[in-house]
Amino acid sequence: MKFIYRLLLIFVFIFCLVLVIGYARGYRIDFEKKVLSSTGILAVTSTPKAAKIYVNGELKGVTDSNLTLSPGQYTVEIKKDGYTNWAKKLTLKGELVLSLDALLFPLNPSLSPLTNLGVKKAISLNQTDRILLFTDTGDETKDGIYLFEGGKRPFLPLSPMKRIVLKKNLTVFTDFTSVDVYLSPDLKEVIIESPKEKTAYLLSLEEENTNVFDITTSKDALLVALKSEKEKEYLKILETFPKEIAKVASDSFHIIAFSPNETRLLYSPEKPVVLPSVITPPLIASNQTPDVRKLQKDHLYVYDKKEDRNFEISLLPTTNYQLSTIQWYSDSKHLILNENNKISVVDYDGTNKQTIYSGPFDNSFFNATGDGGLIVLLNLNPEANKFPDLYAVGIK
């Protein structure tokens, strides 16, 4: 009798264990068809939270939630009052968990002034919160080059700046709008060149330059050295990528920027090339946007080393892509696009494009900050003020 009782307990235990495992893997009882069928799970999160989840147009709950659905094709939409909408088409498979993380932006972003210098030209320092500002208002005591450091004292209405050099010390420079800027990899020095005057200066970004160093005759050699140092820096990061990808990238890619967490690469091929597959077979439940391996010259792509997937970003015209046109967002999951008359955000795989700012701004400059903000150059009162200034756009 005891033996039978123990067998019964073991049987009940095994039965319950099978039920728990089956439930965890997504199996559910279909009471209408009276069968046990596999299901998939959608893990849906969003920023901000408590956004509504619609699946094929039907409200299913709010983020953050796990939805159990039958295998099939779905359109998932994330909506929240006062924010942009997010949508994605996907194929859900049984026994798999698919994660969706939607980033929504305010429909009415705010503007806050960051400078009151009167800025003629602004240049981001390689996707950092530091911005080089050129002022030329006619005031010899103030006009010059300044370094804006957005990461310092972020709660002040007007953030402090460091003066790099007065314009009057750059004796031959007549127009700041046409200067070329070359940054050292460690962002401690900068070469400022005026093609019009055919003159170049080397400036420190660590302190004010009261005595400027004319490097016109040695500029080309210094630029070669800066390019070499930048390539070494890129190669060091590429060493963390699969060796097959690193080799193709070092040989054939114009690297625009690595994502802040250095797991994704934004680039444009300098020649047609086939990107080798590293993970075979592909990871299950990975990003479902088409994986593009046959690369075309001068097109724009993002490679994700964690999933070994490559995506074409076809939202910008084929051009010489620069950080004034496209930048990484701080979360490494999105890209910020400067489309001349508006600024948009797109998922790193090129989907879910959203306009985040379409107000006035100087389309030669924008900067995505490390805390998820956006800085633009604009003039809100051109009748009384001749020059624009930096403004923070409230997109969070």
Protein backbone atom coordinates (compact mmCIF):
# COMPACT_ATOMS: atom_id res chain seq x y z
CA MET A 1 0.00 0.00 0.00
CA LYS A 2 2.80 2.38 0.92
CA PHE A 3 4.55 1.51 -2.32
CA ILE A 4 1.45 2.40 -4.35
CA TYR A 5 1.05 5.63 -2.38
CA ARG A 6 4.67 6.61 -3.12
CA LEU A 7 4.23 5.79 -6.81
CA LEU A 8 1.13 7.97 -6.84
CA LEU A 9 3.03 10.86 -5.25
CA ILE A 10 5.85 10.47 -7.76
CA PHE A 11 3.35 10.39 -10.61
CA VAL A 12 1.59 13.53 -9.32
CA PHE A 13 4.96 15.26 -8.89
CA ILE A 14 6.07 14.38 -12.43
CA PHE A 15 2.70 15.41 -13.85
CA CYS A 16 2.84 18.79 -12.09
CA LEU A 17 6.46 19.28 -13.19
CA VAL A 18 5.50 18.58 -16.82
CA LEU A 19 2.63 21.07 -16.53
CA VAL A 20 4.91 23.76 -15.07
CA ILE A 21 7.57 23.21 -17.73
CA GLY A 22 4.97 23.17 -20.49
CA TYR A 23 3.35 26.34 -19.18
CA ALA A 24 6.72 28.08 -18.94
CA ARG A 25 7.50 27.08 -22.52
CA GLY A 26 4.22 28.57 -23.68
CA TYR A 27 1.90 25.58 -23.95
CA ARG A 28 -1.79 26.30 -23.25
CA ILE A 29 -5.02 24.30 -23.39
CA ASP A 30 -7.35 25.35 -26.21
CA PHE A 31 -10.73 24.59 -24.61
CA GLU A 32 -12.63 25.14 -27.85
CA LYS A 33 -10.55 22.65 -29.83
CA LYS A 34 -9.81 20.54 -26.73
CA VAL A 35 -6.12 20.28 -27.52
CA LEU A 36 -2.83 21.34 -25.95
CA SER A 37 -1.11 23.82 -28.26
CA SER A 38 2.12 25.78 -28.15
CA THR A 39 2.06 29.56 -27.79
CA GLY A 40 4.56 32.37 -27.93
CA ILE A 41 5.15 35.17 -25.44
CA LEU A 42 5.54 38.86 -26.21
CA ALA A 43 7.43 40.71 -23.49
CA VAL A 44 6.42 44.33 -24.13
CA THR A 45 8.08 47.26 -22.37
CA SER A 46 8.10 50.97 -23.09
CA THR A 47 9.56 54.32 -22.11
CA PRO A 48 7.53 55.97 -20.65
CA LYS A 49 5.68 53.14 -18.92
CA ALA A 50 1.94 52.46 -18.80
CA ALA A 51 1.47 52.83 -22.56
CA LYS A 52 -1.39 50.92 -24.19
CA ILE A 53 -0.61 47.74 -26.13
CA TYR A 54 -2.67 46.99 -29.25
CA VAL A 55 -2.31 43.66 -31.07
CA ASN A 56 -3.92 43.61 -34.51
CA GLY A 57 -5.92 46.68 -33.44
CA GLU A 58 -7.22 45.11 -30.20
CA LEU A 59 -6.27 46.55 -26.80
CA LYS A 60 -4.39 43.89 -24.83
CA GLY A 61 -3.19 45.81 -21.77
CA VAL A 62 -0.47 48.26 -20.83
CA THR A 63 3.30 48.11 -20.70
CA ASP A 64 5.21 46.50 -19.07
CA SER A 65 3.44 43.16 -19.72
CA ASN A 66 3.93 39.64 -21.03
CA LEU A 67 1.33 38.58 -23.62
CA THR A 68 0.70 34.94 -24.45
CA LEU A 69 -0.40 34.52 -28.08
CA SER A 70 -0.83 31.74 -30.60
CA PRO A 71 1.87 31.44 -33.27
CA GLY A 72 1.24 33.74 -36.22
CA GLN A 73 1.74 37.17 -37.70
CA TYR A 74 0.84 40.25 -35.67
CA THR A 75 0.97 44.02 -35.79
CA VAL A 76 1.83 45.42 -32.37
CA GLU A 77 1.21 49.10 -31.61
CA ILE A 78 2.24 51.02 -28.50
CA LYS A 79 0.32 54.23 -27.79
CA LYS A 80 0.23 56.80 -25.01
CA ASP A 81 -1.64 60.11 -24.94
CA GLY A 82 0.68 63.04 -25.65
CA TYR A 83 3.41 60.85 -27.16
CA THR A 84 4.38 59.50 -30.56
CA ASN A 85 3.11 56.04 -31.59
CA TRP A 86 5.26 52.94 -32.08
CA ALA A 87 4.39 49.95 -34.30
CA LYS A 88 6.01 46.73 -35.49
CA LYS A 89 4.97 43.78 -37.63
CA LEU A 90 6.29 40.42 -36.45
CA THR A 91 5.93 36.67 -36.66
CA LEU A 92 5.51 34.91 -33.32
CA LYS A 93 6.58 31.27 -32.97
CA GLY A 94 5.56 28.75 -30.38
CA GLU A 95 7.71 28.19 -27.26
CA LEU A 96 9.65 31.43 -27.89
CA VAL A 97 9.76 34.74 -26.05
CA LEU A 98 10.02 37.85 -28.22
CA SER A 99 10.96 41.12 -26.51
CA LEU A 100 9.69 44.49 -27.70
CA ASP A 101 10.96 47.73 -26.16
CA ALA A 102 9.20 50.86 -27.44
CA LEU A 103 10.65 54.35 -26.99
CA LEU A 104 8.02 57.11 -27.22
CA PHE A 105 8.63 60.86 -27.45
CA PRO A 106 6.49 63.87 -26.44
CA LEU A 107 4.34 65.35 -29.20
CA ASN A 108 5.11 68.84 -27.86
CA PRO A 109 8.80 69.05 -26.93
CA SER A 110 9.99 72.01 -24.86
CA LEU A 111 12.87 74.38 -25.63
CA SER A 112 15.37 75.67 -23.06
CA PRO A 113 18.25 78.10 -23.86
CA LEU A 114 21.74 76.82 -23.10
CA THR A 115 23.90 79.71 -24.33
CA ASN A 116 23.59 83.45 -24.95
CA LEU A 117 26.78 84.03 -26.94
CA GLY A 118 25.44 84.38 -30.45
CA VAL A 119 26.80 81.32 -32.25
CA LYS A 120 27.96 81.39 -35.86
CA LYS A 121 29.06 77.74 -36.09
CA ALA A 122 28.72 74.69 -33.80
CA ILE A 123 30.50 71.33 -34.02
CA SER A 124 29.88 68.26 -31.84
CA LEU A 125 32.92 66.54 -30.40
CA ASN A 126 32.39 62.94 -31.55
CA GLN A 127 29.00 62.17 -29.99
CA THR A 128 29.86 63.59 -26.59
CA ASP A 129 28.14 66.33 -24.58
CA ARG A 130 30.95 68.70 -25.59
CA ILE A 131 30.36 71.20 -28.40
CA LEU A 132 32.78 73.60 -30.05
CA LEU A 133 31.20 77.02 -30.56
CA PHE A 134 32.38 79.79 -32.89
CA THR A 135 31.17 83.33 -32.14
CA ASP A 136 31.60 86.38 -34.38
CA THR A 137 29.24 89.15 -33.27
CA GLY A 138 31.64 92.08 -33.72
CA ASP A 139 32.72 92.21 -30.07
CA GLU A 140 36.51 91.69 -29.98
CA THR A 141 36.46 91.09 -26.23
CA LYS A 142 34.13 88.09 -26.59
CA ASP A 143 34.30 86.74 -30.16
CA GLY A 144 36.23 83.52 -30.49
CA ILE A 145 36.01 79.76 -29.97
CA TYR A 146 34.34 78.29 -26.87
CA LEU A 147 33.88 74.79 -25.51
CA PHE A 148 30.37 74.01 -24.27
CA GLU A 149 30.31 71.05 -21.86
CA GLY A 150 26.72 69.91 -21.49
CA GLY A 151 27.50 67.24 -18.92
CA LYS A 152 28.56 69.82 -16.36
CA ARG A 153 25.95 71.48 -14.12
CA PRO A 154 23.01 70.26 -16.24
CA PHE A 155 20.42 71.94 -14.00
CA LEU A 156 21.57 75.50 -14.65
CA PRO A 157 19.52 77.45 -17.24
CA LEU A 158 22.73 78.53 -19.00
CA SER A 159 25.57 76.02 -18.73
CA PRO A 160 29.11 77.33 -18.22
CA MET A 161 31.55 77.39 -21.12
CA LYS A 162 35.29 77.50 -21.44
CA ARG A 163 36.90 79.96 -23.82
CA ILE A 164 39.44 78.28 -26.07
CA VAL A 165 40.75 81.30 -27.96
CA LEU A 166 39.74 84.85 -28.85
CA LYS A 167 39.23 85.47 -32.55
CA LYS A 168 41.59 88.45 -32.51
CA ASN A 169 44.42 86.02 -31.69
CA LEU A 170 43.68 84.11 -34.91
CA THR A 171 44.98 87.07 -36.84
CA VAL A 172 44.26 85.94 -40.40
CA PHE A 173 40.82 84.36 -39.86
CA THR A 174 38.06 86.53 -41.33
CA ASP A 175 35.11 84.10 -41.47
CA PHE A 176 34.36 81.29 -39.00
CA THR A 177 31.63 79.71 -41.14
CA SER A 178 34.11 78.21 -43.61
CA VAL A 179 36.69 76.81 -41.16
CA ASP A 180 37.52 73.10 -41.11
CA VAL A 181 37.93 71.33 -37.78
CA TYR A 182 40.00 68.21 -37.05
CA LEU A 183 39.82 66.66 -33.59
CA SER A 184 42.46 64.55 -31.87
CA PRO A 185 41.17 61.09 -30.83
CA ASP A 186 41.44 61.98 -27.12
CA LEU A 187 39.56 65.27 -27.76
CA LYS A 188 42.29 67.26 -26.03
CA GLU A 189 43.45 69.16 -29.12
CA VAL A 190 41.92 70.52 -32.30
CA ILE A 191 43.26 71.77 -35.62
CA ILE A 192 41.40 74.80 -36.97
CA GLU A 193 42.01 75.53 -40.64
CA SER A 194 40.78 78.35 -42.86
CA PRO A 195 40.90 77.16 -46.49
CA LYS A 196 40.28 80.74 -47.63
CA GLU A 197 43.35 82.10 -45.83
CA LYS A 198 45.25 78.80 -46.19
CA THR A 199 46.21 78.93 -42.53
CA ALA A 200 45.91 76.32 -39.76
CA TYR A 201 46.30 76.49 -35.99
CA LEU A 202 46.70 73.80 -33.34
CA LEU A 203 44.66 74.59 -30.21
CA SER A 204 44.39 72.94 -26.82
CA LEU A 205 40.88 72.11 -25.59
CA GLU A 206 42.13 71.85 -22.01
CA GLU A 207 42.80 75.57 -21.49
CA GLU A 208 42.57 78.99 -23.10
CA ASN A 209 45.10 79.52 -25.87
CA THR A 210 46.55 83.01 -25.42
CA ASN A 211 49.44 82.21 -27.77
CA VAL A 212 48.31 80.27 -30.83
CA PHE A 213 50.51 77.81 -32.67
CA ASP A 214 50.58 78.20 -36.48
CA ILE A 215 50.98 74.72 -38.03
CA THR A 216 50.22 75.58 -41.67
CA THR A 217 53.44 74.05 -42.99
CA SER A 218 53.11 70.85 -40.92
CA LYS A 219 49.32 70.48 -41.06
CA ASP A 220 49.24 67.62 -43.59
CA ALA A 221 51.66 65.52 -41.54
CA LEU A 222 49.65 66.16 -38.37
CA LEU A 223 46.40 65.18 -40.10
CA VAL A 224 47.97 61.91 -41.24
CA ALA A 225 49.01 61.26 -37.63
CA LEU A 226 45.50 62.09 -36.33
CA LYS A 227 43.92 59.75 -38.90
CA SER A 228 46.31 56.98 -37.87
CA GLU A 229 45.43 57.44 -34.19
CA LYS A 230 41.72 57.39 -35.00
CA GLU A 231 42.10 54.18 -36.99
CA LYS A 232 43.96 52.58 -34.06
CA GLU A 233 41.11 53.57 -31.76
CA TYR A 234 38.55 52.00 -34.11
CA LEU A 235 40.64 48.84 -34.50
CA LYS A 236 40.79 48.48 -30.72
CA ILE A 237 36.98 48.45 -30.55
CA LEU A 238 36.74 46.17 -33.60
CA GLU A 239 38.83 43.60 -31.72
CA THR A 240 35.74 42.97 -29.57
CA PHE A 241 33.74 42.06 -32.73
CA PRO A 242 33.92 38.65 -34.45
CA LYS A 243 37.24 38.42 -36.30
CA GLU A 244 35.52 37.79 -39.66
CA ILE A 245 33.53 41.01 -39.28
CA ALA A 246 36.49 43.00 -37.97
CA LYS A 247 38.57 42.06 -41.02
CA VAL A 248 35.88 43.15 -43.51
CA ALA A 249 35.25 46.34 -41.53
CA SER A 250 38.91 47.35 -41.38
CA ASP A 251 39.34 46.65 -45.10
CA SER A 252 36.11 47.99 -46.58
CA PHE A 253 34.09 50.19 -44.19
CA HIS A 254 33.83 53.90 -43.64
CA ILE A 255 33.08 53.76 -39.92
CA ILE A 256 30.72 56.55 -38.93
CA ALA A 257 30.29 55.67 -35.24
CA PHE A 258 30.09 52.83 -32.75
CA SER A 259 27.05 52.74 -30.48
CA PRO A 260 27.69 54.11 -26.96
CA ASN A 261 27.85 50.56 -25.56
CA GLU A 262 30.12 49.53 -28.48
CA THR A 263 27.96 46.52 -29.46
CA ARG A 264 26.70 47.99 -32.75
CA LEU A 265 28.46 49.63 -35.68
CA LEU A 266 27.08 52.35 -37.96
CA TYR A 267 28.97 52.33 -41.24
CA SER A 268 28.98 52.79 -45.01
CA PRO A 269 30.92 50.37 -47.29
CA GLU A 270 33.63 51.94 -49.46
CA LYS A 271 33.13 49.14 -52.02
CA PRO A 272 30.65 46.30 -52.67
CA VAL A 273 31.32 43.41 -50.29
CA VAL A 274 29.61 40.35 -48.82
CA LEU A 275 29.45 40.29 -45.03
CA PRO A 276 30.17 36.76 -43.73
CA SER A 277 27.79 35.00 -41.35
CA VAL A 278 29.32 34.28 -37.95
CA ILE A 279 26.47 32.66 -36.01
CA THR A 280 25.00 29.71 -37.92
CA PRO A 281 22.24 28.82 -37.67
CA PRO A 282 20.93 32.28 -36.71
CA LEU A 283 19.80 32.86 -33.14
CA ILE A 284 16.16 32.05 -32.46
CA ALA A 285 13.89 34.92 -31.36
CA SER A 286 16.37 37.44 -32.76
CA ASN A 287 15.45 40.69 -34.51
CA GLN A 288 13.10 39.84 -37.41
CA THR A 289 14.03 42.76 -39.67
CA PRO A 290 15.70 41.33 -42.83
CA ASP A 291 19.40 40.54 -42.40
CA VAL A 292 21.34 42.17 -45.27
CA ARG A 293 24.71 40.57 -46.12
CA LYS A 294 25.30 41.73 -49.69
CA LEU A 295 26.49 45.28 -49.13
CA GLN A 296 26.41 48.10 -51.65
CA LYS A 297 28.93 50.91 -51.85
CA ASP A 298 27.97 54.12 -50.02
CA HIS A 299 24.78 52.68 -48.55
CA LEU A 300 24.16 52.96 -44.82
CA TYR A 301 24.12 49.94 -42.46
CA VAL A 302 24.12 48.91 -38.80
CA TYR A 303 25.81 45.70 -37.67
CA ASP A 304 24.77 44.12 -34.35
CA LYS A 305 27.53 41.90 -32.98
CA LYS A 306 25.39 40.22 -30.29
CA GLU A 307 22.95 38.73 -32.81
CA ASP A 308 25.29 38.81 -35.84
CA ARG A 309 22.68 40.66 -37.87
CA ASN A 310 23.14 43.50 -40.33
CA PHE A 311 20.47 46.05 -41.26
CA GLU A 312 20.25 48.59 -44.06
CA ILE A 313 19.20 52.08 -43.01
CA SER A 314 17.52 53.38 -46.17
CA LEU A 315 15.97 56.50 -44.66
CA LEU A 316 18.63 58.96 -45.81
CA PRO A 317 19.79 59.67 -49.37
CA THR A 318 23.08 58.08 -50.41
CA THR A 319 25.71 60.62 -49.42
CA ASN A 320 28.90 61.11 -47.46
CA TYR A 321 27.37 60.38 -44.07
CA GLN A 322 28.61 62.50 -41.16
CA LEU A 323 27.70 62.97 -37.50
CA SER A 324 25.94 66.19 -38.51
CA THR A 325 23.47 63.95 -40.39
CA ILE A 326 23.10 60.83 -38.23
CA GLN A 327 24.09 59.96 -34.66
CA TRP A 328 23.52 57.22 -32.12
CA TYR A 329 20.95 57.83 -29.40
CA SER A 330 22.22 57.34 -25.85
CA ASP A 331 20.54 53.93 -25.34
CA SER A 332 22.44 52.33 -28.29
CA LYS A 333 19.09 51.08 -29.61
CA HIS A 334 18.14 54.05 -31.77
CA LEU A 335 19.55 56.48 -34.32
CA ILE A 336 18.87 60.22 -34.56
CA LEU A 337 18.48 61.60 -38.10
CA ASN A 338 18.89 65.20 -39.25
CA GLU A 339 16.52 65.53 -42.22
CA ASN A 340 17.10 69.26 -42.84
CA ASN A 341 13.61 70.40 -41.87
CA LYS A 342 13.07 67.97 -39.00
CA ILE A 343 14.85 65.61 -36.61
CA SER A 344 13.70 62.00 -36.42
CA VAL A 345 14.50 58.89 -34.42
CA VAL A 346 14.54 55.36 -35.79
CA ASP A 347 15.21 51.92 -34.28
CA TYR A 348 18.73 50.66 -34.96
CA ASP A 349 17.32 48.23 -37.56
CA GLY A 350 15.83 51.08 -39.60
CA THR A 351 12.20 50.60 -38.49
CA ASN A 352 9.73 52.71 -36.46
CA LYS A 353 10.72 56.14 -37.66
CA GLN A 354 9.28 58.94 -35.50
CA THR A 355 9.58 62.72 -35.89
CA ILE A 356 10.75 64.15 -32.55
CA TYR A 357 11.32 67.80 -33.53
CA SER A 358 10.18 69.81 -36.54
CA GLY A 359 10.47 73.34 -35.20
CA PRO A 360 13.04 75.93 -36.33
CA PHE A 361 16.73 75.00 -36.22
CA ASP A 362 19.98 75.43 -38.12
CA ASN A 363 20.17 72.19 -40.11
CA SER A 364 23.98 72.24 -40.13
CA PHE A 365 24.04 71.10 -36.49
CA PHE A 366 22.34 68.91 -33.89
CA ASN A 367 23.65 66.86 -30.97
CA ALA A 368 22.21 63.82 -29.20
CA THR A 369 23.33 64.05 -25.57
CA GLY A 370 24.48 61.28 -23.27
CA ASP A 371 21.42 61.63 -21.03
CA GLY A 372 18.95 61.08 -23.89
CA GLY A 373 18.41 64.73 -24.74
CA LEU A 374 18.75 66.75 -27.91
CA ILE A 375 20.56 70.05 -28.56
CA VAL A 376 19.90 72.26 -31.58
CA LEU A 377 21.10 75.63 -32.84
CA LEU A 378 18.32 78.16 -33.46
CA ASN A 379 17.20 81.75 -33.25
CA LEU A 380 13.72 82.32 -31.79
CA ASN A 381 13.78 86.10 -32.19
CA PRO A 382 15.59 87.01 -35.43
CA GLU A 383 14.17 90.56 -35.58
CA ALA A 384 15.89 91.53 -32.32
CA ASN A 385 18.73 89.00 -32.28
CA LYS A 386 21.02 88.48 -35.27
CA PHE A 387 22.66 85.22 -34.14
CA PRO A 388 21.35 81.82 -33.01
CA ASP A 389 22.25 79.97 -29.79
CA LEU A 390 22.15 76.45 -28.40
CA TYR A 391 18.82 75.16 -27.10
CA ALA A 392 17.95 71.93 -25.33
CA VAL A 393 14.92 70.17 -26.83
CA GLY A 394 12.85 68.35 -24.20
CA ILE A 395 12.22 64.98 -25.81
CA LYS A 396 11.97 62.86 -22.65
